[in-house]
Amino acid sequence: MVPDLRQPLVRQLAESDTPRHYWHLGDEDGRAWLFESVEGDEREQWAVRQVEVGADRGARRYWWRHLQDEYGFLTDQPLEVWELTEITPEAFEAVWEAAG
């Protein structure tokens, strides 16, 4: 298996004291994506934790310790925040914990 070169960068961002933002995106099929992001060098928001919830309500978590699996992966592009709804940290954490 080839090592994922994103891991050190994602870990550095995740462990930084940079302010966090929390986001939600849903689709018409009942799927949802939740993100915890930090601001990068270009003022872009980069996901450091992500939860994907399927239409079947099954949830998968991605972060620096688990960047990808056969079902999905932590996004490797800046978030397009104009497509997202900002949510509270508590809302994100509740889904993150439930997905664990």
C-alpha atoms as a PDB file:
ATOM      1  CA  MET A   1       0.000   0.000   0.000  1.00  0.00           C
ATOM      2  CA  VAL A   2       1.291   3.439  -0.944  1.00  0.00           C
ATOM      3  CA  PRO A   3       1.445   5.860   2.010  1.00  0.00           C
ATOM      4  CA  ASP A   4      -0.973   8.771   1.782  1.00  0.00           C
ATOM      5  CA  LEU A   5       1.145  11.913   1.591  1.00  0.00           C
ATOM      6  CA  ARG A   6      -1.746  14.054   2.860  1.00  0.00           C
ATOM      7  CA  GLN A   7      -1.603  12.570   6.353  1.00  0.00           C
ATOM      8  CA  PRO A   8       1.123  14.854   7.821  1.00  0.00           C
ATOM      9  CA  LEU A   9      -0.517  17.983   6.405  1.00  0.00           C
ATOM     10  CA  VAL A  10      -4.011  17.035   7.561  1.00  0.00           C
ATOM     11  CA  ARG A  11      -2.657  16.152  11.002  1.00  0.00           C
ATOM     12  CA  GLN A  12      -0.822  19.483  11.238  1.00  0.00           C
ATOM     13  CA  LEU A  13      -3.997  21.381  10.348  1.00  0.00           C
ATOM     14  CA  ALA A  14      -6.104  19.284  12.724  1.00  0.00           C
ATOM     15  CA  GLU A  15      -3.745  19.828  15.649  1.00  0.00           C
ATOM     16  CA  SER A  16      -3.301  23.544  15.023  1.00  0.00           C
ATOM     17  CA  ASP A  17      -5.040  26.173  17.130  1.00  0.00           C
ATOM     18  CA  THR A  18      -6.648  27.626  14.010  1.00  0.00           C
ATOM     19  CA  PRO A  19     -10.341  28.457  14.548  1.00  0.00           C
ATOM     20  CA  ARG A  20     -12.776  25.781  13.418  1.00  0.00           C
ATOM     21  CA  HIS A  21     -15.876  26.013  11.267  1.00  0.00           C
ATOM     22  CA  TYR A  22     -18.548  23.341  10.942  1.00  0.00           C
ATOM     23  CA  TRP A  23     -20.601  22.638   7.842  1.00  0.00           C
ATOM     24  CA  HIS A  24     -23.439  20.475   6.536  1.00  0.00           C
ATOM     25  CA  LEU A  25     -24.480  19.458   3.031  1.00  0.00           C
ATOM     26  CA  GLY A  26     -27.402  17.191   2.194  1.00  0.00           C
ATOM     27  CA  ASP A  27     -28.869  15.872  -1.024  1.00  0.00           C
ATOM     28  CA  GLU A  28     -32.294  14.846  -2.277  1.00  0.00           C
ATOM     29  CA  ASP A  29     -31.471  11.146  -1.755  1.00  0.00           C
ATOM     30  CA  GLY A  30     -31.131  11.578   2.013  1.00  0.00           C
ATOM     31  CA  ARG A  31     -27.339  11.537   2.141  1.00  0.00           C
ATOM     32  CA  ALA A  32     -25.431  14.084   4.203  1.00  0.00           C
ATOM     33  CA  TRP A  33     -21.871  15.277   4.637  1.00  0.00           C
ATOM     34  CA  LEU A  34     -20.604  17.130   7.699  1.00  0.00           C
ATOM     35  CA  PHE A  35     -17.224  18.822   7.877  1.00  0.00           C
ATOM     36  CA  GLU A  36     -14.969  20.402  10.465  1.00  0.00           C
ATOM     37  CA  SER A  37     -12.658  22.819   8.661  1.00  0.00           C
ATOM     38  CA  VAL A  38      -9.790  25.197   9.268  1.00  0.00           C
ATOM     39  CA  GLU A  39      -8.585  28.076   7.158  1.00  0.00           C
ATOM     40  CA  GLY A  40      -5.523  27.450   5.005  1.00  0.00           C
ATOM     41  CA  ASP A  41      -2.928  29.794   3.552  1.00  0.00           C
ATOM     42  CA  GLU A  42      -5.188  31.063   0.768  1.00  0.00           C
ATOM     43  CA  ARG A  43      -8.133  31.729   3.129  1.00  0.00           C
ATOM     44  CA  GLU A  44      -9.702  28.509   1.878  1.00  0.00           C
ATOM     45  CA  GLN A  45     -11.488  26.135   4.218  1.00  0.00           C
ATOM     46  CA  TRP A  46      -9.874  22.675   4.428  1.00  0.00           C
ATOM     47  CA  ALA A  47     -11.666  19.717   5.994  1.00  0.00           C
ATOM     48  CA  VAL A  48      -9.845  18.108   8.912  1.00  0.00           C
ATOM     49  CA  ARG A  49     -12.735  15.832   9.936  1.00  0.00           C
ATOM     50  CA  GLN A  50     -15.627  14.615   7.830  1.00  0.00           C
ATOM     51  CA  VAL A  51     -18.682  12.433   8.384  1.00  0.00           C
ATOM     52  CA  GLU A  52     -20.599  10.900   5.506  1.00  0.00           C
ATOM     53  CA  VAL A  53     -24.108   9.673   6.295  1.00  0.00           C
ATOM     54  CA  GLY A  54     -25.710   7.449   3.688  1.00  0.00           C
ATOM     55  CA  ALA A  55     -29.382   7.266   2.768  1.00  0.00           C
ATOM     56  CA  ASP A  56     -29.460   4.093   4.908  1.00  0.00           C
ATOM     57  CA  ARG A  57     -28.272   6.264   7.865  1.00  0.00           C
ATOM     58  CA  GLY A  58     -24.967   4.379   7.998  1.00  0.00           C
ATOM     59  CA  ALA A  59     -22.157   6.792   8.813  1.00  0.00           C
ATOM     60  CA  ARG A  60     -18.429   6.827   8.084  1.00  0.00           C
ATOM     61  CA  ARG A  61     -15.794   9.088   9.629  1.00  0.00           C
ATOM     62  CA  TYR A  62     -12.647  10.418   7.977  1.00  0.00           C
ATOM     63  CA  TRP A  63      -9.762  12.327   9.574  1.00  0.00           C
ATOM     64  CA  TRP A  64      -5.972  12.239   9.641  1.00  0.00           C
ATOM     65  CA  ARG A  65      -5.881   8.776  11.249  1.00  0.00           C
ATOM     66  CA  HIS A  66      -8.378   7.363   8.721  1.00  0.00           C
ATOM     67  CA  LEU A  67      -8.128   9.274   5.442  1.00  0.00           C
ATOM     68  CA  GLN A  68      -9.908   6.769   3.236  1.00  0.00           C
ATOM     69  CA  ASP A  69     -11.450   3.349   2.894  1.00  0.00           C
ATOM     70  CA  GLU A  70     -13.359   1.394   0.267  1.00  0.00           C
ATOM     71  CA  TYR A  71     -16.417   3.647   0.751  1.00  0.00           C
ATOM     72  CA  GLY A  72     -14.965   7.135   0.612  1.00  0.00           C
ATOM     73  CA  PHE A  73     -12.276   9.545   1.742  1.00  0.00           C
ATOM     74  CA  LEU A  74     -11.557  12.847   3.453  1.00  0.00           C
ATOM     75  CA  THR A  75     -11.959  15.474   0.772  1.00  0.00           C
ATOM     76  CA  ASP A  76      -8.638  16.581  -0.682  1.00  0.00           C
ATOM     77  CA  GLN A  77      -9.920  19.886  -2.094  1.00  0.00           C
ATOM     78  CA  PRO A  78     -10.874  23.127  -0.327  1.00  0.00           C
ATOM     79  CA  LEU A  79     -14.522  23.208   0.694  1.00  0.00           C
ATOM     80  CA  GLU A  80     -16.866  25.222  -1.479  1.00  0.00           C
ATOM     81  CA  VAL A  81     -18.498  26.898   1.492  1.00  0.00           C
ATOM     82  CA  TRP A  82     -21.103  28.731  -0.597  1.00  0.00           C
ATOM     83  CA  GLU A  83     -22.709  25.294  -1.143  1.00  0.00           C
ATOM     84  CA  LEU A  84     -22.691  24.435   2.569  1.00  0.00           C
ATOM     85  CA  THR A  85     -24.733  25.389   5.612  1.00  0.00           C
ATOM     86  CA  GLU A  86     -22.773  26.375   8.703  1.00  0.00           C
ATOM     87  CA  ILE A  87     -23.741  24.374  11.795  1.00  0.00           C
ATOM     88  CA  THR A  88     -22.781  24.457  15.456  1.00  0.00           C
ATOM     89  CA  PRO A  89     -19.778  22.596  16.818  1.00  0.00           C
ATOM     90  CA  GLU A  90     -22.176  20.665  19.057  1.00  0.00           C
ATOM     91  CA  ALA A  91     -24.219  19.458  16.080  1.00  0.00           C
ATOM     92  CA  PHE A  92     -21.085  18.244  14.322  1.00  0.00           C
ATOM     93  CA  GLU A  93     -19.727  16.535  17.441  1.00  0.00           C
ATOM     94  CA  ALA A  94     -23.029  14.719  18.063  1.00  0.00           C
ATOM     95  CA  VAL A  95     -22.942  13.165  14.586  1.00  0.00           C
ATOM     96  CA  TRP A  96     -19.179  12.492  14.799  1.00  0.00           C
ATOM     97  CA  GLU A  97     -19.597  10.609  18.083  1.00  0.00           C
ATOM     98  CA  ALA A  98     -22.656   8.700  16.870  1.00  0.00           C
ATOM     99  CA  ALA A  99     -20.707   7.585  13.779  1.00  0.00           C
ATOM    100  CA  GLY A 100     -17.855   6.193  15.889  1.00  0.00           C
END
